[in-house]
Amino acid sequence: MTVHQIMTRFPKFCSPDMNLAQATELLWSAGCGALPVVNAGQKVTGIITDRDICIALGTRNQRASELTVGQAMAEKLYVCHPSDEIHAALHIMRARKVRRLPVRRQ
């Protein structure tokens, strides 16, 4: 089985300038736990998860509307490709200790 067979085809995404309140609303409405962070050139520059948002809000004395995605996102990005076998993607996730893995366009 390949990543292509189970990946989300049209994922929601956000920008680094979006505030955490907006990102949280997007996560809630999309029913997902992570958003790729895309710059003005439409390049994925990071990922933000519901956990990242919780940690950012729990460790700072600021409202969600006062913090940006860029301040809370993970910039270290691990990816897989649609043609990768599922076990290869799982290996990356296990080795890098991540729970979400963006799929790079080919």
N, C-alpha and C. Protein backbone atom coordinates (compact mmCIF):
# COMPACT_ATOMS: atom_id res chain seq x y z
N MET A 1 0.85 -1.17 0.00
CA MET A 1 0.00 0.00 0.00
C MET A 1 0.90 1.24 0.00
N THR A 2 0.50 2.26 -0.75
CA THR A 2 1.30 3.48 -0.83
C THR A 2 0.62 4.63 -0.08
N VAL A 3 1.40 5.66 0.20
CA VAL A 3 0.90 6.85 0.87
C VAL A 3 -0.25 7.46 0.08
N HIS A 4 -0.14 7.46 -1.23
CA HIS A 4 -1.17 8.04 -2.10
C HIS A 4 -2.56 7.47 -1.82
N GLN A 5 -2.60 6.22 -1.45
CA GLN A 5 -3.88 5.56 -1.23
C GLN A 5 -4.59 6.01 0.05
N ILE A 6 -3.86 6.60 0.98
CA ILE A 6 -4.51 6.98 2.24
C ILE A 6 -4.36 8.46 2.60
N MET A 7 -3.59 9.20 1.82
CA MET A 7 -3.34 10.61 2.17
C MET A 7 -4.57 11.47 1.95
N THR A 8 -4.59 12.61 2.63
CA THR A 8 -5.64 13.61 2.41
C THR A 8 -5.29 14.33 1.12
N ARG A 9 -6.20 14.32 0.18
CA ARG A 9 -5.90 14.86 -1.16
C ARG A 9 -5.82 16.39 -1.20
N PHE A 10 -6.69 17.06 -0.49
CA PHE A 10 -6.73 18.52 -0.50
C PHE A 10 -6.69 19.05 0.93
N PRO A 11 -5.50 19.02 1.55
CA PRO A 11 -5.41 19.42 2.95
C PRO A 11 -5.63 20.93 3.12
N LYS A 12 -6.16 21.30 4.25
CA LYS A 12 -6.24 22.70 4.64
C LYS A 12 -4.83 23.14 5.00
N PHE A 13 -4.54 24.41 4.91
CA PHE A 13 -3.23 24.92 5.26
C PHE A 13 -3.37 26.33 5.81
N CYS A 14 -2.29 26.85 6.37
CA CYS A 14 -2.32 28.19 6.92
C CYS A 14 -1.02 28.90 6.58
N SER A 15 -0.95 30.18 6.93
CA SER A 15 0.26 30.96 6.70
C SER A 15 0.92 31.24 8.05
N PRO A 16 2.20 31.57 8.06
CA PRO A 16 2.88 31.86 9.32
C PRO A 16 2.35 33.12 10.01
N ASP A 17 1.69 33.99 9.25
CA ASP A 17 1.15 35.23 9.81
C ASP A 17 -0.24 35.07 10.42
N MET A 18 -0.88 33.95 10.17
CA MET A 18 -2.22 33.69 10.74
C MET A 18 -2.08 33.59 12.26
N ASN A 19 -3.06 34.12 12.98
CA ASN A 19 -2.95 34.00 14.44
C ASN A 19 -3.46 32.61 14.89
N LEU A 20 -3.13 32.25 16.12
CA LEU A 20 -3.47 30.92 16.61
C LEU A 20 -4.97 30.71 16.77
N ALA A 21 -5.72 31.78 17.02
CA ALA A 21 -7.18 31.64 17.09
C ALA A 21 -7.73 31.23 15.73
N GLN A 22 -7.25 31.85 14.67
CA GLN A 22 -7.70 31.50 13.32
C GLN A 22 -7.27 30.08 12.95
N ALA A 23 -6.05 29.71 13.29
CA ALA A 23 -5.57 28.36 12.99
C ALA A 23 -6.38 27.31 13.74
N THR A 24 -6.72 27.61 15.00
CA THR A 24 -7.52 26.68 15.80
C THR A 24 -8.90 26.50 15.17
N GLU A 25 -9.50 27.59 14.73
CA GLU A 25 -10.81 27.51 14.07
C GLU A 25 -10.72 26.66 12.80
N LEU A 26 -9.64 26.82 12.05
CA LEU A 26 -9.45 26.04 10.83
C LEU A 26 -9.28 24.55 11.15
N LEU A 27 -8.51 24.25 12.18
CA LEU A 27 -8.36 22.85 12.61
C LEU A 27 -9.72 22.27 13.01
N TRP A 28 -10.48 23.03 13.79
CA TRP A 28 -11.79 22.57 14.27
C TRP A 28 -12.74 22.33 13.10
N SER A 29 -12.86 23.30 12.20
CA SER A 29 -13.82 23.18 11.10
C SER A 29 -13.42 22.09 10.11
N ALA A 30 -12.13 21.86 9.96
CA ALA A 30 -11.65 20.82 9.04
C ALA A 30 -11.60 19.45 9.69
N GLY A 31 -11.73 19.40 11.01
CA GLY A 31 -11.68 18.12 11.71
C GLY A 31 -10.33 17.44 11.62
N CYS A 32 -9.27 18.26 11.69
CA CYS A 32 -7.93 17.69 11.60
C CYS A 32 -7.08 18.16 12.77
N GLY A 33 -5.90 17.62 12.90
CA GLY A 33 -5.04 17.96 14.02
C GLY A 33 -3.75 18.64 13.63
N ALA A 34 -3.58 18.90 12.33
CA ALA A 34 -2.34 19.53 11.87
C ALA A 34 -2.61 20.30 10.59
N LEU A 35 -1.83 21.37 10.40
CA LEU A 35 -1.93 22.18 9.19
C LEU A 35 -0.53 22.43 8.65
N PRO A 36 -0.31 22.17 7.36
CA PRO A 36 0.95 22.62 6.76
C PRO A 36 0.97 24.15 6.79
N VAL A 37 2.14 24.72 7.01
CA VAL A 37 2.31 26.17 7.00
C VAL A 37 2.96 26.54 5.67
N VAL A 38 2.26 27.39 4.92
CA VAL A 38 2.67 27.71 3.55
C VAL A 38 3.02 29.19 3.46
N ASN A 39 4.17 29.51 2.83
CA ASN A 39 4.57 30.91 2.68
C ASN A 39 3.89 31.54 1.46
N ALA A 40 4.20 32.80 1.19
CA ALA A 40 3.57 33.54 0.09
C ALA A 40 3.83 32.89 -1.27
N GLY A 41 4.94 32.18 -1.38
CA GLY A 41 5.26 31.48 -2.63
C GLY A 41 4.65 30.10 -2.74
N GLN A 42 3.73 29.78 -1.82
CA GLN A 42 3.04 28.49 -1.77
C GLN A 42 3.97 27.32 -1.46
N LYS A 43 5.07 27.59 -0.78
CA LYS A 43 6.00 26.54 -0.36
C LYS A 43 5.73 26.19 1.10
N VAL A 44 5.68 24.91 1.39
CA VAL A 44 5.49 24.46 2.77
C VAL A 44 6.78 24.73 3.55
N THR A 45 6.65 25.52 4.60
CA THR A 45 7.82 25.91 5.39
C THR A 45 7.80 25.32 6.80
N GLY A 46 6.71 24.66 7.15
CA GLY A 46 6.60 24.08 8.48
C GLY A 46 5.25 23.41 8.65
N ILE A 47 4.97 23.04 9.88
CA ILE A 47 3.70 22.41 10.21
C ILE A 47 3.31 22.86 11.61
N ILE A 48 2.03 23.04 11.83
CA ILE A 48 1.54 23.36 13.17
C ILE A 48 0.48 22.33 13.55
N THR A 49 0.57 21.85 14.77
CA THR A 49 -0.37 20.84 15.25
C THR A 49 -1.19 21.42 16.39
N ASP A 50 -2.27 20.73 16.71
CA ASP A 50 -3.07 21.14 17.85
C ASP A 50 -2.23 21.14 19.12
N ARG A 51 -1.30 20.23 19.22
CA ARG A 51 -0.40 20.18 20.39
C ARG A 51 0.50 21.41 20.43
N ASP A 52 1.05 21.82 19.28
CA ASP A 52 1.88 23.02 19.23
C ASP A 52 1.12 24.24 19.76
N ILE A 53 -0.15 24.33 19.36
CA ILE A 53 -0.98 25.46 19.80
C ILE A 53 -1.20 25.40 21.30
N CYS A 54 -1.52 24.23 21.82
CA CYS A 54 -1.74 24.08 23.27
C CYS A 54 -0.49 24.44 24.06
N ILE A 55 0.65 23.97 23.63
CA ILE A 55 1.90 24.26 24.34
C ILE A 55 2.22 25.75 24.28
N ALA A 56 2.05 26.36 23.09
CA ALA A 56 2.32 27.80 22.95
C ALA A 56 1.42 28.61 23.88
N LEU A 57 0.15 28.27 23.94
CA LEU A 57 -0.78 29.02 24.78
C LEU A 57 -0.57 28.74 26.26
N GLY A 58 -0.16 27.54 26.58
CA GLY A 58 0.05 27.17 27.97
C GLY A 58 1.34 27.71 28.57
N THR A 59 2.27 28.11 27.73
CA THR A 59 3.57 28.57 28.23
C THR A 59 3.78 30.07 28.07
N ARG A 60 2.80 30.74 27.50
CA ARG A 60 2.92 32.19 27.32
C ARG A 60 1.68 32.87 27.89
N ASN A 61 1.85 34.04 28.36
CA ASN A 61 0.73 34.78 28.94
C ASN A 61 0.12 35.68 27.86
N GLN A 62 -0.35 35.05 26.77
CA GLN A 62 -0.94 35.79 25.67
C GLN A 62 -2.17 35.04 25.15
N ARG A 63 -3.05 35.80 24.53
CA ARG A 63 -4.24 35.20 23.92
C ARG A 63 -3.87 34.57 22.59
N ALA A 64 -4.72 33.66 22.15
CA ALA A 64 -4.51 32.99 20.86
C ALA A 64 -4.50 34.01 19.71
N SER A 65 -5.25 35.07 19.85
CA SER A 65 -5.30 36.08 18.79
C SER A 65 -4.05 36.96 18.76
N GLU A 66 -3.21 36.84 19.79
CA GLU A 66 -1.99 37.65 19.88
C GLU A 66 -0.73 36.92 19.43
N LEU A 67 -0.83 35.62 19.25
CA LEU A 67 0.31 34.81 18.81
C LEU A 67 0.09 34.34 17.38
N THR A 68 1.15 34.27 16.62
CA THR A 68 1.03 33.81 15.23
C THR A 68 1.45 32.35 15.09
N VAL A 69 1.01 31.77 14.02
CA VAL A 69 1.41 30.41 13.67
C VAL A 69 2.93 30.33 13.60
N GLY A 70 3.57 31.36 13.01
CA GLY A 70 5.02 31.38 12.89
C GLY A 70 5.75 31.31 14.22
N GLN A 71 5.11 31.77 15.29
CA GLN A 71 5.72 31.72 16.61
C GLN A 71 5.58 30.36 17.28
N ALA A 72 4.68 29.53 16.79
CA ALA A 72 4.40 28.26 17.45
C ALA A 72 4.69 27.03 16.59
N MET A 73 4.85 27.21 15.31
CA MET A 73 4.98 26.06 14.40
C MET A 73 6.32 25.36 14.53
N ALA A 74 6.34 24.13 14.09
CA ALA A 74 7.57 23.37 13.99
C ALA A 74 8.18 23.66 12.62
N GLU A 75 9.40 24.17 12.62
CA GLU A 75 10.06 24.47 11.36
C GLU A 75 10.84 23.30 10.80
N LYS A 76 11.18 22.37 11.67
CA LYS A 76 11.86 21.15 11.22
C LYS A 76 10.81 20.28 10.58
N LEU A 77 10.93 20.05 9.30
CA LEU A 77 9.87 19.38 8.54
C LEU A 77 10.37 18.06 7.97
N TYR A 78 9.66 17.00 8.25
CA TYR A 78 9.93 15.70 7.67
C TYR A 78 8.76 15.39 6.75
N VAL A 79 9.05 14.87 5.57
CA VAL A 79 8.01 14.62 4.56
C VAL A 79 8.15 13.23 3.98
N CYS A 80 7.10 12.83 3.28
CA CYS A 80 7.14 11.62 2.49
C CYS A 80 6.58 11.95 1.11
N HIS A 81 6.56 10.98 0.23
CA HIS A 81 6.06 11.18 -1.13
C HIS A 81 4.86 10.25 -1.39
N PRO A 82 3.97 10.65 -2.28
CA PRO A 82 2.79 9.82 -2.56
C PRO A 82 3.14 8.38 -2.95
N SER A 83 4.25 8.20 -3.62
CA SER A 83 4.61 6.85 -4.09
C SER A 83 5.31 6.02 -3.02
N ASP A 84 5.63 6.60 -1.88
CA ASP A 84 6.28 5.85 -0.81
C ASP A 84 5.36 4.77 -0.27
N GLU A 85 5.95 3.66 0.10
CA GLU A 85 5.20 2.61 0.78
C GLU A 85 4.84 3.12 2.19
N ILE A 86 3.69 2.69 2.67
CA ILE A 86 3.23 3.10 4.00
C ILE A 86 4.28 2.80 5.07
N HIS A 87 4.93 1.67 4.97
CA HIS A 87 5.93 1.29 5.97
C HIS A 87 7.12 2.25 5.98
N ALA A 88 7.47 2.80 4.82
CA ALA A 88 8.55 3.78 4.75
C ALA A 88 8.13 5.07 5.46
N ALA A 89 6.89 5.50 5.25
CA ALA A 89 6.38 6.70 5.92
C ALA A 89 6.33 6.46 7.44
N LEU A 90 5.86 5.31 7.85
CA LEU A 90 5.81 4.99 9.28
C LEU A 90 7.21 4.95 9.89
N HIS A 91 8.18 4.48 9.13
CA HIS A 91 9.56 4.46 9.61
C HIS A 91 10.06 5.89 9.88
N ILE A 92 9.77 6.82 8.95
CA ILE A 92 10.15 8.22 9.14
C ILE A 92 9.50 8.77 10.40
N MET A 93 8.22 8.51 10.55
CA MET A 93 7.48 9.02 11.70
C MET A 93 8.06 8.46 13.01
N ARG A 94 8.36 7.20 13.03
CA ARG A 94 8.90 6.57 14.24
C ARG A 94 10.31 7.10 14.53
N ALA A 95 11.15 7.17 13.50
CA ALA A 95 12.53 7.60 13.69
C ALA A 95 12.62 9.07 14.10
N ARG A 96 11.75 9.90 13.57
CA ARG A 96 11.79 11.34 13.85
C ARG A 96 10.86 11.76 14.99
N LYS A 97 10.10 10.78 15.50
CA LYS A 97 9.17 11.03 16.61
C LYS A 97 8.15 12.11 16.28
N VAL A 98 7.51 11.96 15.13
CA VAL A 98 6.43 12.85 14.71
C VAL A 98 5.17 12.04 14.46
N ARG A 99 4.03 12.67 14.62
CA ARG A 99 2.76 11.98 14.45
C ARG A 99 2.05 12.34 13.16
N ARG A 100 2.53 13.40 12.52
CA ARG A 100 1.94 13.82 11.24
C ARG A 100 3.07 14.01 10.25
N LEU A 101 2.80 13.66 8.99
CA LEU A 101 3.83 13.70 7.96
C LEU A 101 3.26 14.31 6.69
N PRO A 102 3.66 15.53 6.36
CA PRO A 102 3.18 16.10 5.09
C PRO A 102 3.66 15.27 3.90
N VAL A 103 2.87 15.27 2.86
CA VAL A 103 3.22 14.53 1.64
C VAL A 103 3.67 15.54 0.60
N ARG A 104 4.89 15.37 0.12
CA ARG A 104 5.46 16.29 -0.87
C ARG A 104 4.93 15.95 -2.26
N ARG A 105 4.57 16.98 -2.99
CA ARG A 105 4.14 16.78 -4.38
C ARG A 105 5.31 16.28 -5.20
N GLN A 106 5.00 15.46 -6.17
CA GLN A 106 6.08 14.95 -7.03
C GLN A 106 6.10 15.65 -8.34
